[in-house]
Amino acid sequence: MYKRDYELSAKITRLGNRGVRKAIERGKKAGIPIPFSRSGKVFYEMPDGTITDKYPEEEK
């Protein structure tokens, strides 16, 4: 891989990560459960900070 290709992919990754962090922050401020995946299983971080694997009732 050429140096410029590596630099471009690193920049794209940084921008993507920044966008994800901002989306998570905005979701927490709005009181929305934040979904994420670990080993193929979906979990939800609730606004109070607890983590559950159950689908949040208020989202149904």
N, C-alpha and C. Protein backbone atom coordinates (compact mmCIF):
# COMPACT_ATOMS: atom_id res chain seq x y z
N MET A 1 0.86 -1.17 0.00
CA MET A 1 0.00 0.00 0.00
C MET A 1 0.90 1.23 0.00
N TYR A 2 0.54 2.19 -0.80
CA TYR A 2 1.31 3.42 -0.87
C TYR A 2 1.03 4.29 0.35
N LYS A 3 1.98 5.15 0.66
CA LYS A 3 1.85 6.01 1.83
C LYS A 3 0.59 6.88 1.74
N ARG A 4 0.32 7.43 0.58
CA ARG A 4 -0.85 8.31 0.45
C ARG A 4 -2.15 7.53 0.63
N ASP A 5 -2.18 6.27 0.21
CA ASP A 5 -3.37 5.44 0.41
C ASP A 5 -3.59 5.18 1.90
N TYR A 6 -2.50 4.90 2.62
CA TYR A 6 -2.58 4.69 4.06
C TYR A 6 -3.07 5.95 4.76
N GLU A 7 -2.52 7.10 4.37
CA GLU A 7 -2.92 8.36 4.99
C GLU A 7 -4.39 8.66 4.74
N LEU A 8 -4.86 8.39 3.53
CA LEU A 8 -6.26 8.63 3.19
C LEU A 8 -7.17 7.70 4.00
N SER A 9 -6.81 6.43 4.09
CA SER A 9 -7.64 5.50 4.86
C SER A 9 -7.65 5.86 6.34
N ALA A 10 -6.52 6.34 6.87
CA ALA A 10 -6.47 6.77 8.27
C ALA A 10 -7.36 7.99 8.48
N LYS A 11 -7.36 8.92 7.54
CA LYS A 11 -8.19 10.12 7.65
C LYS A 11 -9.68 9.76 7.60
N ILE A 12 -10.05 8.87 6.70
CA ILE A 12 -11.44 8.45 6.59
C ILE A 12 -11.88 7.76 7.89
N THR A 13 -11.02 6.93 8.44
CA THR A 13 -11.33 6.24 9.69
C THR A 13 -11.53 7.24 10.83
N ARG A 14 -10.65 8.24 10.92
CA ARG A 14 -10.78 9.27 11.96
C ARG A 14 -12.10 10.02 11.83
N LEU A 15 -12.45 10.40 10.60
CA LEU A 15 -13.70 11.13 10.36
C LEU A 15 -14.92 10.26 10.73
N GLY A 16 -14.87 9.00 10.37
CA GLY A 16 -15.97 8.09 10.70
C GLY A 16 -16.12 7.92 12.19
N ASN A 17 -15.00 7.73 12.88
CA ASN A 17 -15.04 7.57 14.34
C ASN A 17 -15.58 8.82 15.01
N ARG A 18 -15.19 9.98 14.52
CA ARG A 18 -15.67 11.25 15.09
C ARG A 18 -17.19 11.35 14.93
N GLY A 19 -17.68 10.97 13.75
CA GLY A 19 -19.12 11.01 13.50
C GLY A 19 -19.89 10.07 14.42
N VAL A 20 -19.35 8.88 14.63
CA VAL A 20 -20.00 7.92 15.52
C VAL A 20 -20.03 8.45 16.95
N ARG A 21 -18.91 9.01 17.42
CA ARG A 21 -18.87 9.57 18.78
C ARG A 21 -19.89 10.68 18.95
N LYS A 22 -20.01 11.55 17.94
CA LYS A 22 -20.99 12.64 18.02
C LYS A 22 -22.42 12.10 18.03
N ALA A 23 -22.70 11.09 17.23
CA ALA A 23 -24.04 10.50 17.18
C ALA A 23 -24.39 9.87 18.53
N ILE A 24 -23.45 9.18 19.14
CA ILE A 24 -23.68 8.57 20.45
C ILE A 24 -23.94 9.65 21.49
N GLU A 25 -23.15 10.71 21.47
CA GLU A 25 -23.31 11.81 22.42
C GLU A 25 -24.70 12.45 22.27
N ARG A 26 -25.11 12.70 21.04
CA ARG A 26 -26.43 13.32 20.80
C ARG A 26 -27.56 12.38 21.24
N GLY A 27 -27.40 11.09 21.01
CA GLY A 27 -28.41 10.12 21.43
C GLY A 27 -28.55 10.06 22.95
N LYS A 28 -27.42 10.13 23.64
CA LYS A 28 -27.47 10.12 25.11
C LYS A 28 -28.16 11.37 25.64
N LYS A 29 -27.85 12.52 25.04
CA LYS A 29 -28.49 13.77 25.47
C LYS A 29 -29.99 13.73 25.23
N ALA A 30 -30.43 13.05 24.16
CA ALA A 30 -31.84 12.96 23.83
C ALA A 30 -32.55 11.85 24.62
N GLY A 31 -31.80 11.05 25.37
CA GLY A 31 -32.40 9.99 26.17
C GLY A 31 -32.77 8.76 25.36
N ILE A 32 -32.06 8.52 24.28
CA ILE A 32 -32.34 7.39 23.40
C ILE A 32 -31.36 6.25 23.72
N PRO A 33 -31.86 5.00 23.86
CA PRO A 33 -30.96 3.87 24.06
C PRO A 33 -30.00 3.72 22.87
N ILE A 34 -28.74 3.47 23.16
CA ILE A 34 -27.71 3.36 22.12
C ILE A 34 -27.43 1.88 21.85
N PRO A 35 -27.74 1.38 20.65
CA PRO A 35 -27.44 -0.02 20.35
C PRO A 35 -25.98 -0.20 19.94
N PHE A 36 -25.41 -1.35 20.33
CA PHE A 36 -24.08 -1.71 19.88
C PHE A 36 -23.98 -3.23 19.87
N SER A 37 -22.97 -3.75 19.23
CA SER A 37 -22.84 -5.18 19.05
C SER A 37 -21.52 -5.67 19.61
N ARG A 38 -21.57 -6.81 20.28
CA ARG A 38 -20.36 -7.50 20.77
C ARG A 38 -20.49 -8.97 20.37
N SER A 39 -19.55 -9.47 19.65
CA SER A 39 -19.53 -10.86 19.21
C SER A 39 -20.82 -11.27 18.53
N GLY A 40 -21.40 -10.36 17.75
CA GLY A 40 -22.60 -10.67 17.00
C GLY A 40 -23.90 -10.55 17.78
N LYS A 41 -23.83 -10.19 19.05
CA LYS A 41 -25.03 -10.03 19.88
C LYS A 41 -25.28 -8.55 20.10
N VAL A 42 -26.54 -8.12 19.99
CA VAL A 42 -26.89 -6.72 20.12
C VAL A 42 -27.21 -6.39 21.58
N PHE A 43 -26.62 -5.30 22.07
CA PHE A 43 -26.87 -4.79 23.41
C PHE A 43 -27.35 -3.35 23.28
N TYR A 44 -27.95 -2.84 24.34
CA TYR A 44 -28.43 -1.46 24.38
C TYR A 44 -27.90 -0.78 25.62
N GLU A 45 -27.30 0.39 25.44
CA GLU A 45 -26.89 1.20 26.59
C GLU A 45 -28.02 2.19 26.84
N MET A 46 -28.63 2.06 28.00
CA MET A 46 -29.76 2.89 28.36
C MET A 46 -29.28 4.29 28.78
N PRO A 47 -30.17 5.28 28.76
CA PRO A 47 -29.78 6.64 29.14
C PRO A 47 -29.18 6.75 30.54
N ASP A 48 -29.57 5.84 31.45
CA ASP A 48 -29.02 5.89 32.81
C ASP A 48 -27.68 5.18 32.93
N GLY A 49 -27.18 4.61 31.83
CA GLY A 49 -25.86 3.97 31.81
C GLY A 49 -25.90 2.46 31.92
N THR A 50 -27.04 1.87 32.21
CA THR A 50 -27.12 0.42 32.30
C THR A 50 -27.08 -0.18 30.90
N ILE A 51 -26.63 -1.42 30.84
CA ILE A 51 -26.53 -2.13 29.57
C ILE A 51 -27.41 -3.36 29.64
N THR A 52 -28.20 -3.58 28.60
CA THR A 52 -29.10 -4.73 28.55
C THR A 52 -29.09 -5.34 27.17
N ASP A 53 -29.48 -6.61 27.11
CA ASP A 53 -29.60 -7.26 25.80
C ASP A 53 -31.06 -7.34 25.38
N LYS A 54 -31.96 -6.83 26.21
CA LYS A 54 -33.39 -6.79 25.89
C LYS A 54 -33.72 -5.55 25.09
N TYR A 55 -34.62 -5.68 24.13
CA TYR A 55 -35.03 -4.53 23.31
C TYR A 55 -35.80 -3.56 24.21
N PRO A 56 -35.39 -2.29 24.24
CA PRO A 56 -36.06 -1.32 25.11
C PRO A 56 -37.54 -1.18 24.77
N GLU A 57 -38.39 -1.26 25.77
CA GLU A 57 -39.84 -1.21 25.58
C GLU A 57 -40.30 0.11 24.96
N GLU A 58 -39.69 1.23 25.33
CA GLU A 58 -40.14 2.51 24.81
C GLU A 58 -39.85 2.68 23.33
N GLU A 59 -39.03 1.81 22.75
CA GLU A 59 -38.71 1.89 21.32
C GLU A 59 -39.68 1.10 20.45
N LYS A 60 -40.52 0.24 21.07
CA LYS A 60 -41.44 -0.59 20.30
C LYS A 60 -42.57 0.21 19.73
